[in-house]
Amino acid sequence: MFSGGALGIVAWRRTSAGRTPYWNVGAQLRPSRGRGIGTAAQRLLVDYLFAHSPVVRLEADTETGNVAEQRSLEKAGCRSSV
């Protein structure tokens, strides 16, 4: 367990495909695998963005081998397009 301080950050930026805006989201966390921190943080961010903005799509990019992040995003409600 950590003894205080931030566990990491989640970030988002508005982008668009033509005239359709959407959010690109990402996270960077301190090492803490298996605790669900990334999933919880990203789920809160996804819920917040859909509740407080007019966009209907989110996007997140991960490294091909970053299976933990991909699983975290899936648990937060995202699905793979690959």
C-alpha atoms as a PDB file:
ATOM      1  CA  MET A   1       0.000   0.000   0.000  1.00  0.00           C
ATOM      2  CA  PHE A   2       1.158   3.535  -0.680  1.00  0.00           C
ATOM      3  CA  SER A   3       1.784   5.927   2.175  1.00  0.00           C
ATOM      4  CA  GLY A   4       0.204   8.961   0.582  1.00  0.00           C
ATOM      5  CA  GLY A   5       0.533  11.058  -2.505  1.00  0.00           C
ATOM      6  CA  ALA A   6      -0.934  10.605  -5.941  1.00  0.00           C
ATOM      7  CA  LEU A   7      -1.239   7.135  -7.413  1.00  0.00           C
ATOM      8  CA  GLY A   8      -1.128   8.520 -10.933  1.00  0.00           C
ATOM      9  CA  ILE A   9      -3.088  10.592 -13.403  1.00  0.00           C
ATOM     10  CA  VAL A  10      -5.854  10.172 -15.931  1.00  0.00           C
ATOM     11  CA  ALA A  11      -6.079  12.618 -18.788  1.00  0.00           C
ATOM     12  CA  TRP A  12      -8.297  13.359 -21.731  1.00  0.00           C
ATOM     13  CA  ARG A  13      -8.287  15.547 -24.767  1.00  0.00           C
ATOM     14  CA  ARG A  14     -10.990  16.433 -27.222  1.00  0.00           C
ATOM     15  CA  THR A  15     -10.340  15.436 -30.802  1.00  0.00           C
ATOM     16  CA  SER A  16     -12.491  14.794 -33.853  1.00  0.00           C
ATOM     17  CA  ALA A  17     -12.958  12.699 -36.937  1.00  0.00           C
ATOM     18  CA  GLY A  18     -14.308  15.182 -39.426  1.00  0.00           C
ATOM     19  CA  ARG A  19     -17.131  17.003 -37.678  1.00  0.00           C
ATOM     20  CA  THR A  20     -17.707  14.356 -35.016  1.00  0.00           C
ATOM     21  CA  PRO A  21     -15.951  15.198 -31.721  1.00  0.00           C
ATOM     22  CA  TYR A  22     -14.794  12.542 -29.293  1.00  0.00           C
ATOM     23  CA  TRP A  23     -12.457  12.151 -26.314  1.00  0.00           C
ATOM     24  CA  ASN A  24      -9.058  10.471 -26.317  1.00  0.00           C
ATOM     25  CA  VAL A  25      -8.305   9.206 -22.802  1.00  0.00           C
ATOM     26  CA  GLY A  26      -5.220   7.855 -21.092  1.00  0.00           C
ATOM     27  CA  ALA A  27      -3.784   6.938 -17.706  1.00  0.00           C
ATOM     28  CA  GLN A  28      -0.383   6.757 -16.129  1.00  0.00           C
ATOM     29  CA  LEU A  29      -0.199   5.104 -12.727  1.00  0.00           C
ATOM     30  CA  ARG A  30       2.442   4.195 -10.208  1.00  0.00           C
ATOM     31  CA  PRO A  31       3.140   0.447 -10.157  1.00  0.00           C
ATOM     32  CA  SER A  32       0.235  -1.198  -8.339  1.00  0.00           C
ATOM     33  CA  ARG A  33      -0.841  -4.137 -10.457  1.00  0.00           C
ATOM     34  CA  GLY A  34      -3.806  -6.202  -9.453  1.00  0.00           C
ATOM     35  CA  ARG A  35      -5.407  -3.649  -7.151  1.00  0.00           C
ATOM     36  CA  GLY A  36      -8.007  -2.304  -9.591  1.00  0.00           C
ATOM     37  CA  ILE A  37      -6.807   1.282  -9.257  1.00  0.00           C
ATOM     38  CA  GLY A  38      -6.438   1.833 -13.012  1.00  0.00           C
ATOM     39  CA  THR A  39      -9.807   0.313 -13.752  1.00  0.00           C
ATOM     40  CA  ALA A  40     -11.537   2.408 -11.080  1.00  0.00           C
ATOM     41  CA  ALA A  41      -9.859   5.628 -12.226  1.00  0.00           C
ATOM     42  CA  GLN A  42     -10.695   5.046 -15.878  1.00  0.00           C
ATOM     43  CA  ARG A  43     -14.271   4.004 -15.090  1.00  0.00           C
ATOM     44  CA  LEU A  44     -14.765   7.265 -13.158  1.00  0.00           C
ATOM     45  CA  LEU A  45     -13.275   9.264 -16.026  1.00  0.00           C
ATOM     46  CA  VAL A  46     -15.445   7.532 -18.652  1.00  0.00           C
ATOM     47  CA  ASP A  47     -18.591   8.066 -16.573  1.00  0.00           C
ATOM     48  CA  TYR A  48     -17.689  11.725 -15.988  1.00  0.00           C
ATOM     49  CA  LEU A  49     -16.999  12.487 -19.653  1.00  0.00           C
ATOM     50  CA  PHE A  50     -20.226  10.883 -20.871  1.00  0.00           C
ATOM     51  CA  ALA A  51     -22.255  12.633 -18.157  1.00  0.00           C
ATOM     52  CA  HIS A  52     -20.778  16.102 -18.679  1.00  0.00           C
ATOM     53  CA  SER A  53     -20.096  16.403 -22.399  1.00  0.00           C
ATOM     54  CA  PRO A  54     -22.066  15.912 -25.604  1.00  0.00           C
ATOM     55  CA  VAL A  55     -19.675  13.364 -27.152  1.00  0.00           C
ATOM     56  CA  VAL A  56     -20.816   9.804 -27.805  1.00  0.00           C
ATOM     57  CA  ARG A  57     -17.423   8.162 -28.330  1.00  0.00           C
ATOM     58  CA  LEU A  58     -14.196   7.679 -26.410  1.00  0.00           C
ATOM     59  CA  GLU A  59     -10.873   6.430 -27.709  1.00  0.00           C
ATOM     60  CA  ALA A  60      -7.781   5.114 -25.928  1.00  0.00           C
ATOM     61  CA  ASP A  61      -4.496   3.923 -27.383  1.00  0.00           C
ATOM     62  CA  THR A  62      -2.218   1.371 -25.752  1.00  0.00           C
ATOM     63  CA  GLU A  63       1.036  -0.309 -26.612  1.00  0.00           C
ATOM     64  CA  THR A  64       0.452  -3.694 -28.244  1.00  0.00           C
ATOM     65  CA  GLY A  65       2.001  -5.585 -25.334  1.00  0.00           C
ATOM     66  CA  ASN A  66       0.295  -3.610 -22.551  1.00  0.00           C
ATOM     67  CA  VAL A  67      -2.272  -6.277 -21.752  1.00  0.00           C
ATOM     68  CA  ALA A  68      -2.907  -4.923 -18.234  1.00  0.00           C
ATOM     69  CA  GLU A  69      -3.992  -1.541 -19.618  1.00  0.00           C
ATOM     70  CA  GLN A  70      -6.110  -3.168 -22.302  1.00  0.00           C
ATOM     71  CA  ARG A  71      -7.909  -5.285 -19.690  1.00  0.00           C
ATOM     72  CA  SER A  72      -8.362  -2.236 -17.471  1.00  0.00           C
ATOM     73  CA  LEU A  73      -9.996  -0.333 -20.321  1.00  0.00           C
ATOM     74  CA  GLU A  74     -12.271  -3.268 -21.099  1.00  0.00           C
ATOM     75  CA  LYS A  75     -13.354  -3.436 -17.451  1.00  0.00           C
ATOM     76  CA  ALA A  76     -14.075   0.308 -17.610  1.00  0.00           C
ATOM     77  CA  GLY A  77     -16.507  -0.328 -20.489  1.00  0.00           C
ATOM     78  CA  CYS A  78     -14.307   0.088 -23.554  1.00  0.00           C
ATOM     79  CA  ARG A  79     -14.005  -2.465 -26.315  1.00  0.00           C
ATOM     80  CA  SER A  80     -11.204  -3.243 -28.693  1.00  0.00           C
ATOM     81  CA  SER A  81     -11.456  -2.214 -32.321  1.00  0.00           C
ATOM     82  CA  VAL A  82      -8.552  -4.405 -33.415  1.00  0.00           C
END
